[in-house]
Amino acid sequence: MTAALQTLLLLGYPLLVYFALGFASPRAVALFTLGLVVARLAFASPGRLWTWARAFAPIAAAFALPGLVTLVLGDPLCLLLAPALFNFAMLAVFAASFAARETVVEGLARAQVGELSPAEHLYCRRVTFLWCAFFAANGAACAFVALETSRATWALYTGVVAYALMGALFAGEYVYRHWRFRRYSGAPTDALLRRIFPPRSSS
């Protein structure tokens, strides 16, 4: 099983759990989800595994802990709470980066374009805060649908709506960033965005 396929299965967690609980016991589904986490770790190289573990251990725990608790209690509710825990884990990762040398968003930006201007540095910190707010709100929504609505509603929100909201936020910020800074680094979308938002003259 390739890393890409494992990642797709993890992203499809809500729909997988929804359909799997229709014919398998909660403990069996929990074993399957734990197997996905273990397989994702097993296929990572030692160097990447250490880097990944330091940065994203809370995210791995968000998928692993509900499975472990379900194995003990046999309660499917624990599996339904995994998306909420994932969002809160992402919130923890992004929020903790404020205390580091650079935030998560700053690190991603530097990897793409190199050094950042003071305005870009401040912008990245504000975008990091924006993602923190999103993960907090989405985590609360995921917890609500798990605790208060039907399993079908939970699967629809966590497996479709939440990803659509995340994609809309990412796309909106991406377009706004290019409008504001007009900085292009060779991304596939640069040709289109250059026509819409031509680089500003340096003179």
N, C-alpha and C. Protein backbone atom coordinates (compact mmCIF):
# COMPACT_ATOMS: atom_id res chain seq x y z
N MET A 1 0.85 -1.19 0.00
CA MET A 1 0.00 0.00 0.00
C MET A 1 0.88 1.24 0.00
N THR A 2 0.74 2.11 -1.01
CA THR A 2 1.59 3.27 -1.11
C THR A 2 1.19 4.32 -0.08
N ALA A 3 2.15 5.25 0.16
CA ALA A 3 1.88 6.33 1.10
C ALA A 3 0.71 7.19 0.62
N ALA A 4 0.61 7.40 -0.70
CA ALA A 4 -0.48 8.22 -1.24
C ALA A 4 -1.83 7.56 -0.97
N LEU A 5 -1.90 6.24 -1.15
CA LEU A 5 -3.15 5.53 -0.90
C LEU A 5 -3.50 5.57 0.58
N GLN A 6 -2.50 5.41 1.43
CA GLN A 6 -2.75 5.47 2.87
C GLN A 6 -3.29 6.84 3.26
N THR A 7 -2.71 7.89 2.68
CA THR A 7 -3.16 9.24 2.99
C THR A 7 -4.60 9.44 2.53
N LEU A 8 -4.94 8.93 1.34
CA LEU A 8 -6.32 9.03 0.85
C LEU A 8 -7.29 8.30 1.77
N LEU A 9 -6.87 7.15 2.27
CA LEU A 9 -7.74 6.39 3.18
C LEU A 9 -7.94 7.15 4.50
N LEU A 10 -6.88 7.80 4.98
CA LEU A 10 -7.02 8.58 6.21
C LEU A 10 -7.93 9.78 5.98
N LEU A 11 -7.80 10.44 4.81
CA LEU A 11 -8.68 11.56 4.50
C LEU A 11 -10.13 11.09 4.36
N GLY A 12 -10.29 9.86 3.87
CA GLY A 12 -11.63 9.31 3.72
C GLY A 12 -12.15 8.63 4.97
N TYR A 13 -11.50 8.86 6.09
CA TYR A 13 -11.86 8.22 7.36
C TYR A 13 -13.36 8.30 7.67
N PRO A 14 -14.00 9.48 7.59
CA PRO A 14 -15.43 9.53 7.96
C PRO A 14 -16.29 8.60 7.13
N LEU A 15 -16.11 8.61 5.81
CA LEU A 15 -16.94 7.76 4.96
C LEU A 15 -16.61 6.29 5.15
N LEU A 16 -15.32 5.97 5.35
CA LEU A 16 -14.93 4.59 5.61
C LEU A 16 -15.59 4.07 6.88
N VAL A 17 -15.54 4.88 7.94
CA VAL A 17 -16.13 4.47 9.22
C VAL A 17 -17.64 4.33 9.09
N TYR A 18 -18.25 5.28 8.38
CA TYR A 18 -19.71 5.24 8.23
C TYR A 18 -20.17 3.94 7.57
N PHE A 19 -19.54 3.59 6.45
CA PHE A 19 -19.95 2.39 5.73
C PHE A 19 -19.51 1.12 6.46
N ALA A 20 -18.32 1.16 7.09
CA ALA A 20 -17.81 -0.03 7.77
C ALA A 20 -18.68 -0.39 8.97
N LEU A 21 -19.18 0.62 9.70
CA LEU A 21 -20.02 0.34 10.86
C LEU A 21 -21.36 -0.27 10.46
N GLY A 22 -21.68 -0.21 9.18
CA GLY A 22 -22.93 -0.81 8.72
C GLY A 22 -22.88 -2.32 8.67
N PHE A 23 -21.67 -2.90 8.62
CA PHE A 23 -21.60 -4.36 8.55
C PHE A 23 -20.53 -4.97 9.46
N ALA A 24 -19.74 -4.15 10.13
CA ALA A 24 -18.69 -4.67 11.02
C ALA A 24 -18.86 -4.09 12.41
N SER A 25 -18.30 -4.77 13.40
CA SER A 25 -18.40 -4.30 14.78
C SER A 25 -17.49 -3.09 14.98
N PRO A 26 -17.79 -2.26 15.98
CA PRO A 26 -16.93 -1.11 16.25
C PRO A 26 -15.48 -1.51 16.51
N ARG A 27 -15.27 -2.63 17.19
CA ARG A 27 -13.89 -3.07 17.47
C ARG A 27 -13.16 -3.44 16.18
N ALA A 28 -13.86 -4.08 15.24
CA ALA A 28 -13.24 -4.44 13.97
C ALA A 28 -12.87 -3.19 13.18
N VAL A 29 -13.76 -2.21 13.18
CA VAL A 29 -13.48 -0.95 12.47
C VAL A 29 -12.31 -0.23 13.14
N ALA A 30 -12.28 -0.28 14.46
CA ALA A 30 -11.17 0.36 15.18
C ALA A 30 -9.84 -0.29 14.82
N LEU A 31 -9.81 -1.60 14.71
CA LEU A 31 -8.57 -2.28 14.31
C LEU A 31 -8.13 -1.84 12.92
N PHE A 32 -9.09 -1.66 12.03
CA PHE A 32 -8.75 -1.23 10.68
C PHE A 32 -8.16 0.18 10.68
N THR A 33 -8.78 1.10 11.43
CA THR A 33 -8.27 2.47 11.47
C THR A 33 -6.89 2.52 12.12
N LEU A 34 -6.68 1.71 13.15
CA LEU A 34 -5.35 1.66 13.77
C LEU A 34 -4.33 1.09 12.80
N GLY A 35 -4.76 0.13 11.98
CA GLY A 35 -3.86 -0.42 10.99
C GLY A 35 -3.42 0.62 9.97
N LEU A 36 -4.33 1.55 9.63
CA LEU A 36 -3.96 2.62 8.70
C LEU A 36 -2.87 3.51 9.28
N VAL A 37 -3.01 3.84 10.56
CA VAL A 37 -2.01 4.69 11.22
C VAL A 37 -0.68 3.98 11.27
N VAL A 38 -0.70 2.72 11.66
CA VAL A 38 0.55 1.95 11.75
C VAL A 38 1.21 1.82 10.39
N ALA A 39 0.40 1.54 9.35
CA ALA A 39 0.95 1.41 8.01
C ALA A 39 1.54 2.71 7.52
N ARG A 40 0.89 3.83 7.86
CA ARG A 40 1.43 5.14 7.44
C ARG A 40 2.79 5.38 8.07
N LEU A 41 2.95 4.99 9.32
CA LEU A 41 4.24 5.15 10.00
C LEU A 41 5.27 4.19 9.45
N ALA A 42 4.85 2.96 9.17
CA ALA A 42 5.79 1.93 8.73
C ALA A 42 6.40 2.25 7.37
N PHE A 43 5.64 2.95 6.50
CA PHE A 43 6.13 3.23 5.16
C PHE A 43 6.95 4.52 5.08
N ALA A 44 7.09 5.21 6.20
CA ALA A 44 7.90 6.43 6.20
C ALA A 44 9.37 6.07 6.44
N SER A 45 10.27 6.78 5.75
CA SER A 45 11.70 6.56 5.97
C SER A 45 12.07 7.01 7.37
N PRO A 46 13.14 6.45 7.97
CA PRO A 46 13.51 6.82 9.34
C PRO A 46 13.68 8.33 9.53
N GLY A 47 14.32 8.99 8.56
CA GLY A 47 14.52 10.43 8.69
C GLY A 47 13.22 11.19 8.67
N ARG A 48 12.36 10.86 7.69
CA ARG A 48 11.07 11.53 7.58
C ARG A 48 10.17 11.17 8.75
N LEU A 49 10.28 9.96 9.25
CA LEU A 49 9.45 9.53 10.37
C LEU A 49 9.73 10.38 11.60
N TRP A 50 11.02 10.63 11.87
CA TRP A 50 11.37 11.43 13.04
C TRP A 50 10.85 12.86 12.90
N THR A 51 11.04 13.44 11.71
CA THR A 51 10.54 14.79 11.47
C THR A 51 9.03 14.84 11.59
N TRP A 52 8.38 13.86 10.98
CA TRP A 52 6.91 13.80 11.02
C TRP A 52 6.40 13.61 12.45
N ALA A 53 7.09 12.74 13.22
CA ALA A 53 6.65 12.45 14.58
C ALA A 53 6.73 13.68 15.47
N ARG A 54 7.80 14.45 15.29
CA ARG A 54 7.95 15.65 16.12
C ARG A 54 6.86 16.67 15.82
N ALA A 55 6.53 16.83 14.55
CA ALA A 55 5.59 17.88 14.16
C ALA A 55 4.13 17.45 14.27
N PHE A 56 3.85 16.17 13.97
CA PHE A 56 2.46 15.76 13.81
C PHE A 56 2.05 14.61 14.72
N ALA A 57 2.78 14.40 15.81
CA ALA A 57 2.37 13.38 16.77
C ALA A 57 0.94 13.60 17.27
N PRO A 58 0.52 14.86 17.55
CA PRO A 58 -0.86 15.06 17.99
C PRO A 58 -1.88 14.60 16.97
N ILE A 59 -1.55 14.75 15.68
CA ILE A 59 -2.49 14.36 14.63
C ILE A 59 -2.61 12.83 14.57
N ALA A 60 -1.48 12.13 14.68
CA ALA A 60 -1.52 10.67 14.71
C ALA A 60 -2.31 10.19 15.92
N ALA A 61 -2.13 10.86 17.05
CA ALA A 61 -2.85 10.48 18.26
C ALA A 61 -4.35 10.70 18.10
N ALA A 62 -4.74 11.72 17.32
CA ALA A 62 -6.16 12.00 17.11
C ALA A 62 -6.86 10.86 16.40
N PHE A 63 -6.14 10.11 15.57
CA PHE A 63 -6.72 8.94 14.91
C PHE A 63 -6.53 7.67 15.74
N ALA A 64 -5.41 7.57 16.44
CA ALA A 64 -5.09 6.34 17.16
C ALA A 64 -5.89 6.21 18.47
N LEU A 65 -6.01 7.28 19.23
CA LEU A 65 -6.67 7.20 20.53
C LEU A 65 -8.13 6.75 20.44
N PRO A 66 -8.93 7.31 19.52
CA PRO A 66 -10.32 6.81 19.42
C PRO A 66 -10.38 5.32 19.09
N GLY A 67 -9.45 4.86 18.25
CA GLY A 67 -9.43 3.44 17.93
C GLY A 67 -9.09 2.59 19.15
N LEU A 68 -8.11 3.03 19.93
CA LEU A 68 -7.72 2.29 21.12
C LEU A 68 -8.86 2.25 22.14
N VAL A 69 -9.52 3.39 22.34
CA VAL A 69 -10.63 3.43 23.30
C VAL A 69 -11.78 2.54 22.81
N THR A 70 -12.03 2.54 21.51
CA THR A 70 -13.10 1.71 20.96
C THR A 70 -12.80 0.23 21.15
N LEU A 71 -11.51 -0.15 21.02
CA LEU A 71 -11.14 -1.55 21.26
C LEU A 71 -11.48 -1.97 22.68
N VAL A 72 -11.36 -1.05 23.62
CA VAL A 72 -11.63 -1.37 25.03
C VAL A 72 -13.13 -1.34 25.32
N LEU A 73 -13.81 -0.28 24.87
CA LEU A 73 -15.21 -0.07 25.23
C LEU A 73 -16.20 -0.63 24.22
N GLY A 74 -15.76 -0.77 22.97
CA GLY A 74 -16.68 -1.24 21.93
C GLY A 74 -17.74 -0.21 21.56
N ASP A 75 -17.51 1.07 21.87
CA ASP A 75 -18.47 2.13 21.61
C ASP A 75 -18.09 2.86 20.33
N PRO A 76 -18.95 2.87 19.31
CA PRO A 76 -18.60 3.54 18.05
C PRO A 76 -18.50 5.05 18.17
N LEU A 77 -19.06 5.63 19.24
CA LEU A 77 -19.00 7.08 19.40
C LEU A 77 -17.56 7.58 19.42
N CYS A 78 -16.67 6.78 19.99
CA CYS A 78 -15.26 7.19 20.04
C CYS A 78 -14.70 7.37 18.64
N LEU A 79 -15.10 6.48 17.71
CA LEU A 79 -14.64 6.61 16.33
C LEU A 79 -15.20 7.86 15.68
N LEU A 80 -16.43 8.23 16.02
CA LEU A 80 -17.04 9.41 15.43
C LEU A 80 -16.39 10.70 15.92
N LEU A 81 -15.75 10.65 17.07
CA LEU A 81 -15.11 11.85 17.61
C LEU A 81 -13.72 12.10 17.03
N ALA A 82 -13.20 11.16 16.24
CA ALA A 82 -11.86 11.32 15.68
C ALA A 82 -11.70 12.58 14.83
N PRO A 83 -12.64 12.93 13.94
CA PRO A 83 -12.46 14.17 13.17
C PRO A 83 -12.37 15.41 14.06
N ALA A 84 -13.16 15.44 15.14
CA ALA A 84 -13.06 16.57 16.06
C ALA A 84 -11.69 16.62 16.71
N LEU A 85 -11.18 15.46 17.14
CA LEU A 85 -9.86 15.42 17.74
C LEU A 85 -8.78 15.80 16.73
N PHE A 86 -8.97 15.42 15.46
CA PHE A 86 -8.02 15.79 14.42
C PHE A 86 -7.93 17.31 14.29
N ASN A 87 -9.09 17.97 14.27
CA ASN A 87 -9.09 19.43 14.16
C ASN A 87 -8.45 20.08 15.37
N PHE A 88 -8.72 19.55 16.55
CA PHE A 88 -8.11 20.12 17.76
C PHE A 88 -6.60 19.86 17.78
N ALA A 89 -6.19 18.73 17.21
CA ALA A 89 -4.76 18.45 17.10
C ALA A 89 -4.09 19.43 16.15
N MET A 90 -4.74 19.70 15.01
CA MET A 90 -4.22 20.69 14.08
C MET A 90 -4.17 22.07 14.72
N LEU A 91 -5.18 22.38 15.49
CA LEU A 91 -5.18 23.64 16.24
C LEU A 91 -3.97 23.72 17.16
N ALA A 92 -3.68 22.62 17.86
CA ALA A 92 -2.54 22.60 18.77
C ALA A 92 -1.22 22.79 18.02
N VAL A 93 -1.08 22.13 16.86
CA VAL A 93 0.15 22.25 16.07
C VAL A 93 0.34 23.68 15.59
N PHE A 94 -0.71 24.27 15.03
CA PHE A 94 -0.60 25.64 14.50
C PHE A 94 -0.40 26.64 15.63
N ALA A 95 -1.14 26.50 16.72
CA ALA A 95 -1.03 27.45 17.83
C ALA A 95 0.34 27.36 18.50
N ALA A 96 0.85 26.14 18.66
CA ALA A 96 2.15 25.98 19.31
C ALA A 96 3.27 26.60 18.49
N SER A 97 3.07 26.70 17.17
CA SER A 97 4.12 27.26 16.32
C SER A 97 4.33 28.75 16.55
N PHE A 98 3.38 29.43 17.21
CA PHE A 98 3.58 30.83 17.54
C PHE A 98 4.75 31.01 18.51
N ALA A 99 5.02 29.99 19.31
CA ALA A 99 6.12 30.06 20.26
C ALA A 99 7.45 29.63 19.65
N ALA A 100 7.43 29.12 18.43
CA ALA A 100 8.65 28.67 17.75
C ALA A 100 9.27 29.82 16.96
N ARG A 101 10.38 29.53 16.29
CA ARG A 101 11.07 30.55 15.50
C ARG A 101 10.19 31.06 14.37
N GLU A 102 9.37 30.20 13.81
CA GLU A 102 8.44 30.59 12.76
C GLU A 102 7.18 29.75 12.88
N THR A 103 6.07 30.32 12.45
CA THR A 103 4.81 29.58 12.51
C THR A 103 4.77 28.54 11.39
N VAL A 104 3.77 27.67 11.44
CA VAL A 104 3.61 26.65 10.41
C VAL A 104 3.49 27.29 9.04
N VAL A 105 2.67 28.33 8.93
CA VAL A 105 2.46 28.99 7.63
C VAL A 105 3.75 29.66 7.16
N GLU A 106 4.50 30.28 8.07
CA GLU A 106 5.77 30.88 7.68
C GLU A 106 6.73 29.82 7.13
N GLY A 107 6.79 28.68 7.77
CA GLY A 107 7.68 27.62 7.30
C GLY A 107 7.30 27.15 5.92
N LEU A 108 6.00 26.99 5.66
CA LEU A 108 5.55 26.58 4.33
C LEU A 108 5.86 27.66 3.30
N ALA A 109 5.68 28.93 3.67
CA ALA A 109 5.95 30.02 2.73
C ALA A 109 7.43 30.11 2.39
N ARG A 110 8.29 29.98 3.40
CA ARG A 110 9.73 30.04 3.15
C ARG A 110 10.18 28.89 2.25
N ALA A 111 9.58 27.73 2.42
CA ALA A 111 9.95 26.59 1.58
C ALA A 111 9.60 26.84 0.12
N GLN A 112 8.58 27.68 -0.13
CA GLN A 112 8.14 27.95 -1.50
C GLN A 112 8.88 29.12 -2.14
N VAL A 113 9.04 30.21 -1.38
CA VAL A 113 9.55 31.45 -2.00
C VAL A 113 10.85 31.95 -1.38
N GLY A 114 11.37 31.32 -0.36
CA GLY A 114 12.60 31.79 0.26
C GLY A 114 12.33 32.82 1.34
N GLU A 115 13.15 33.86 1.39
CA GLU A 115 13.01 34.87 2.43
C GLU A 115 11.72 35.66 2.28
N LEU A 116 11.18 36.06 3.42
CA LEU A 116 9.94 36.81 3.43
C LEU A 116 10.19 38.26 3.82
N SER A 117 9.43 39.16 3.25
CA SER A 117 9.49 40.56 3.64
C SER A 117 8.80 40.73 4.99
N PRO A 118 9.02 41.85 5.69
CA PRO A 118 8.31 42.07 6.96
C PRO A 118 6.79 42.00 6.80
N ALA A 119 6.28 42.52 5.68
CA ALA A 119 4.82 42.46 5.46
C ALA A 119 4.35 41.02 5.28
N GLU A 120 5.14 40.22 4.56
CA GLU A 120 4.78 38.82 4.36
C GLU A 120 4.90 38.04 5.66
N HIS A 121 5.90 38.37 6.46
CA HIS A 121 6.06 37.72 7.77
C HIS A 121 4.82 37.95 8.63
N LEU A 122 4.37 39.21 8.71
CA LEU A 122 3.19 39.53 9.50
C LEU A 122 1.95 38.85 8.92
N TYR A 123 1.86 38.83 7.59
CA TYR A 123 0.72 38.19 6.94
C TYR A 123 0.65 36.71 7.28
N CYS A 124 1.79 36.02 7.25
CA CYS A 124 1.82 34.59 7.56
C CYS A 124 1.37 34.32 8.99
N ARG A 125 1.74 35.18 9.91
CA ARG A 125 1.29 35.00 11.29
C ARG A 125 -0.22 35.19 11.40
N ARG A 126 -0.75 36.14 10.64
CA ARG A 126 -2.20 36.34 10.67
C ARG A 126 -2.93 35.17 10.03
N VAL A 127 -2.36 34.60 8.97
CA VAL A 127 -2.98 33.44 8.33
C VAL A 127 -2.92 32.23 9.27
N THR A 128 -1.83 32.11 10.03
CA THR A 128 -1.74 31.03 11.02
C THR A 128 -2.86 31.16 12.04
N PHE A 129 -3.11 32.40 12.49
CA PHE A 129 -4.21 32.64 13.42
C PHE A 129 -5.55 32.29 12.78
N LEU A 130 -5.71 32.63 11.49
CA LEU A 130 -6.95 32.31 10.79
C LEU A 130 -7.20 30.81 10.76
N TRP A 131 -6.15 30.02 10.49
CA TRP A 131 -6.31 28.57 10.47
C TRP A 131 -6.59 28.04 11.87
N CYS A 132 -6.00 28.66 12.89
CA CYS A 132 -6.32 28.25 14.27
C CYS A 132 -7.81 28.44 14.54
N ALA A 133 -8.36 29.57 14.11
CA ALA A 133 -9.79 29.83 14.31
C ALA A 133 -10.63 28.81 13.55
N PHE A 134 -10.20 28.48 12.32
CA PHE A 134 -10.95 27.49 11.54
C PHE A 134 -10.95 26.13 12.22
N PHE A 135 -9.78 25.67 12.66
CA PHE A 135 -9.71 24.35 13.29
C PHE A 135 -10.51 24.31 14.59
N ALA A 136 -10.52 25.40 15.33
CA ALA A 136 -11.31 25.44 16.56
C ALA A 136 -12.80 25.33 16.25
N ALA A 137 -13.27 26.13 15.26
CA ALA A 137 -14.69 26.12 14.91
C ALA A 137 -15.09 24.79 14.27
N ASN A 138 -14.26 24.29 13.37
CA ASN A 138 -14.60 23.03 12.70
C ASN A 138 -14.55 21.87 13.68
N GLY A 139 -13.59 21.90 14.61
CA GLY A 139 -13.53 20.85 15.63
C GLY A 139 -14.79 20.82 16.47
N ALA A 140 -15.26 22.01 16.85
CA ALA A 140 -16.49 22.09 17.64
C ALA A 140 -17.69 21.58 16.84
N ALA A 141 -17.73 21.91 15.55
CA ALA A 141 -18.82 21.43 14.70
C ALA A 141 -18.77 19.92 14.54
N CYS A 142 -17.58 19.37 14.36
CA CYS A 142 -17.43 17.91 14.23
C CYS A 142 -17.86 17.20 15.51
N ALA A 143 -17.52 17.78 16.65
CA ALA A 143 -17.94 17.18 17.92
C ALA A 143 -19.46 17.23 18.06
N PHE A 144 -20.05 18.34 17.64
CA PHE A 144 -21.51 18.48 17.74
C PHE A 144 -22.23 17.44 16.91
N VAL A 145 -21.82 17.28 15.64
CA VAL A 145 -22.53 16.32 14.78
C VAL A 145 -22.30 14.89 15.26
N ALA A 146 -21.16 14.64 15.90
CA ALA A 146 -20.91 13.29 16.43
C ALA A 146 -21.80 12.99 17.62
N LEU A 147 -22.01 14.00 18.46
CA LEU A 147 -22.74 13.79 19.71
C LEU A 147 -24.25 13.99 19.58
N GLU A 148 -24.67 14.85 18.65
CA GLU A 148 -26.07 15.29 18.65
C GLU A 148 -26.85 14.94 17.39
N THR A 149 -26.21 14.42 16.36
CA THR A 149 -26.95 14.16 15.11
C THR A 149 -26.82 12.69 14.72
N SER A 150 -27.42 12.35 13.59
CA SER A 150 -27.38 10.97 13.12
C SER A 150 -26.00 10.66 12.55
N ARG A 151 -25.72 9.38 12.39
CA ARG A 151 -24.44 8.96 11.83
C ARG A 151 -24.30 9.42 10.38
N ALA A 152 -25.41 9.45 9.65
CA ALA A 152 -25.37 9.91 8.26
C ALA A 152 -25.01 11.39 8.18
N THR A 153 -25.59 12.19 9.08
CA THR A 153 -25.26 13.62 9.11
C THR A 153 -23.81 13.83 9.48
N TRP A 154 -23.33 13.04 10.42
CA TRP A 154 -21.90 13.11 10.81
C TRP A 154 -21.02 12.81 9.61
N ALA A 155 -21.33 11.76 8.85
CA ALA A 155 -20.51 11.39 7.69
C ALA A 155 -20.55 12.48 6.63
N LEU A 156 -21.72 13.08 6.42
CA LEU A 156 -21.85 14.13 5.41
C LEU A 156 -21.01 15.34 5.79
N TYR A 157 -21.12 15.75 7.05
CA TYR A 157 -20.39 16.95 7.45
C TYR A 157 -18.88 16.70 7.49
N THR A 158 -18.47 15.66 8.21
CA THR A 158 -17.03 15.44 8.40
C THR A 158 -16.34 14.91 7.15
N GLY A 159 -17.09 14.21 6.28
CA GLY A 159 -16.48 13.62 5.10
C GLY A 159 -16.62 14.43 3.84
N VAL A 160 -17.52 15.43 3.83
CA VAL A 160 -17.75 16.23 2.62
C VAL A 160 -17.72 17.73 2.93
N VAL A 161 -18.62 18.18 3.80
CA VAL A 161 -18.77 19.62 4.06
C VAL A 161 -17.50 20.21 4.67
N ALA A 162 -16.92 19.53 5.66
CA ALA A 162 -15.73 20.07 6.32
C ALA A 162 -14.58 20.23 5.34
N TYR A 163 -14.40 19.25 4.45
CA TYR A 163 -13.33 19.35 3.46
C TYR A 163 -13.62 20.48 2.46
N ALA A 164 -14.89 20.68 2.11
CA ALA A 164 -15.25 21.76 1.19
C ALA A 164 -14.96 23.11 1.84
N LEU A 165 -15.27 23.25 3.11
CA LEU A 165 -14.99 24.50 3.82
C LEU A 165 -13.48 24.75 3.90
N MET A 166 -12.72 23.69 4.18
CA MET A 166 -11.27 23.82 4.24
C MET A 166 -10.71 24.22 2.88
N GLY A 167 -11.21 23.58 1.83
CA GLY A 167 -10.75 23.92 0.49
C GLY A 167 -11.09 25.34 0.10
N ALA A 168 -12.29 25.81 0.49
CA ALA A 168 -12.69 27.18 0.18
C ALA A 168 -11.80 28.18 0.91
N LEU A 169 -11.48 27.90 2.16
CA LEU A 169 -10.59 28.79 2.91
C LEU A 169 -9.21 28.83 2.29
N PHE A 170 -8.69 27.66 1.94
CA PHE A 170 -7.36 27.59 1.33
C PHE A 170 -7.34 28.34 0.00
N ALA A 171 -8.34 28.10 -0.84
CA ALA A 171 -8.38 28.74 -2.16
C ALA A 171 -8.55 30.25 -2.03
N GLY A 172 -9.43 30.67 -1.13
CA GLY A 172 -9.64 32.10 -0.94
C GLY A 172 -8.38 32.81 -0.46
N GLU A 173 -7.70 32.21 0.50
CA GLU A 173 -6.46 32.81 1.00
C GLU A 173 -5.39 32.81 -0.07
N TYR A 174 -5.32 31.75 -0.87
CA TYR A 174 -4.32 31.63 -1.93
C TYR A 174 -4.48 32.74 -2.96
N VAL A 175 -5.72 32.97 -3.39
CA VAL A 175 -5.98 34.02 -4.38
C VAL A 175 -5.73 35.39 -3.77
N TYR A 176 -6.19 35.61 -2.55
CA TYR A 176 -5.98 36.91 -1.90
C TYR A 176 -4.49 37.21 -1.73
N ARG A 177 -3.71 36.19 -1.36
CA ARG A 177 -2.28 36.38 -1.17
C ARG A 177 -1.60 36.82 -2.47
N HIS A 178 -2.00 36.21 -3.59
CA HIS A 178 -1.40 36.59 -4.86
C HIS A 178 -1.86 37.97 -5.31
N TRP A 179 -3.08 38.34 -5.00
CA TRP A 179 -3.54 39.68 -5.30
C TRP A 179 -2.76 40.71 -4.49
N ARG A 180 -2.51 40.39 -3.22
CA ARG A 180 -1.86 41.36 -2.35
C ARG A 180 -0.37 41.51 -2.63
N PHE A 181 0.32 40.38 -2.78
CA PHE A 181 1.78 40.44 -2.88
C PHE A 181 2.32 40.29 -4.30
N ARG A 182 1.55 39.72 -5.22
CA ARG A 182 1.97 39.54 -6.61
C ARG A 182 3.33 38.84 -6.68
N ARG A 183 3.52 37.85 -5.85
CA ARG A 183 4.78 37.12 -5.83
C ARG A 183 4.56 35.72 -6.39
N TYR A 184 5.35 35.34 -7.38
CA TYR A 184 5.15 34.08 -8.07
C TYR A 184 6.42 33.23 -7.98
N SER A 185 6.24 31.95 -7.74
CA SER A 185 7.38 31.07 -7.47
C SER A 185 7.41 29.83 -8.35
N GLY A 186 6.68 29.86 -9.48
CA GLY A 186 6.69 28.72 -10.39
C GLY A 186 5.61 27.70 -10.14
N ALA A 187 4.58 28.05 -9.39
CA ALA A 187 3.46 27.13 -9.14
C ALA A 187 2.65 26.95 -10.42
N PRO A 188 1.94 25.82 -10.57
CA PRO A 188 1.14 25.59 -11.79
C PRO A 188 0.11 26.68 -12.06
N THR A 189 -0.34 27.36 -11.02
CA THR A 189 -1.36 28.39 -11.19
C THR A 189 -0.78 29.76 -11.54
N ASP A 190 0.54 29.88 -11.54
CA ASP A 190 1.15 31.20 -11.73
C ASP A 190 0.79 31.84 -13.06
N ALA A 191 0.76 31.05 -14.14
CA ALA A 191 0.46 31.62 -15.46
C ALA A 191 -0.90 32.31 -15.47
N LEU A 192 -1.89 31.68 -14.86
CA LEU A 192 -3.23 32.27 -14.81
C LEU A 192 -3.25 33.49 -13.89
N LEU A 193 -2.67 33.34 -12.69
CA LEU A 193 -2.73 34.43 -11.72
C LEU A 193 -1.91 35.63 -12.17
N ARG A 194 -0.84 35.41 -12.92
CA ARG A 194 -0.06 36.53 -13.45
C ARG A 194 -0.91 37.39 -14.40
N ARG A 195 -1.77 36.74 -15.15
CA ARG A 195 -2.63 37.48 -16.07
C ARG A 195 -3.70 38.27 -15.32
N ILE A 196 -4.20 37.67 -14.22
CA ILE A 196 -5.24 38.34 -13.44
C ILE A 196 -4.64 39.41 -12.54
N PHE A 197 -3.50 39.08 -11.91
CA PHE A 197 -2.83 40.01 -10.99
C PHE A 197 -1.38 40.21 -11.47
N PRO A 198 -1.16 41.07 -12.46
CA PRO A 198 0.21 41.28 -12.97
C PRO A 198 1.14 41.75 -11.87
N PRO A 199 2.42 41.30 -11.90
CA PRO A 199 3.38 41.78 -10.90
C PRO A 199 3.48 43.29 -10.91
N ARG A 200 3.59 43.90 -9.74
CA ARG A 200 3.73 45.34 -9.64
C ARG A 200 5.10 45.78 -10.08
N SER A 201 5.18 46.93 -10.69
CA SER A 201 6.46 47.48 -11.12
C SER A 201 7.27 47.87 -9.90
N SER A 202 8.58 47.56 -9.95
CA SER A 202 9.47 47.88 -8.82
C SER A 202 9.95 49.31 -8.88
N SER A 203 9.67 49.99 -9.97
CA SER A 203 10.12 51.37 -10.11
C SER A 203 9.18 52.33 -9.41
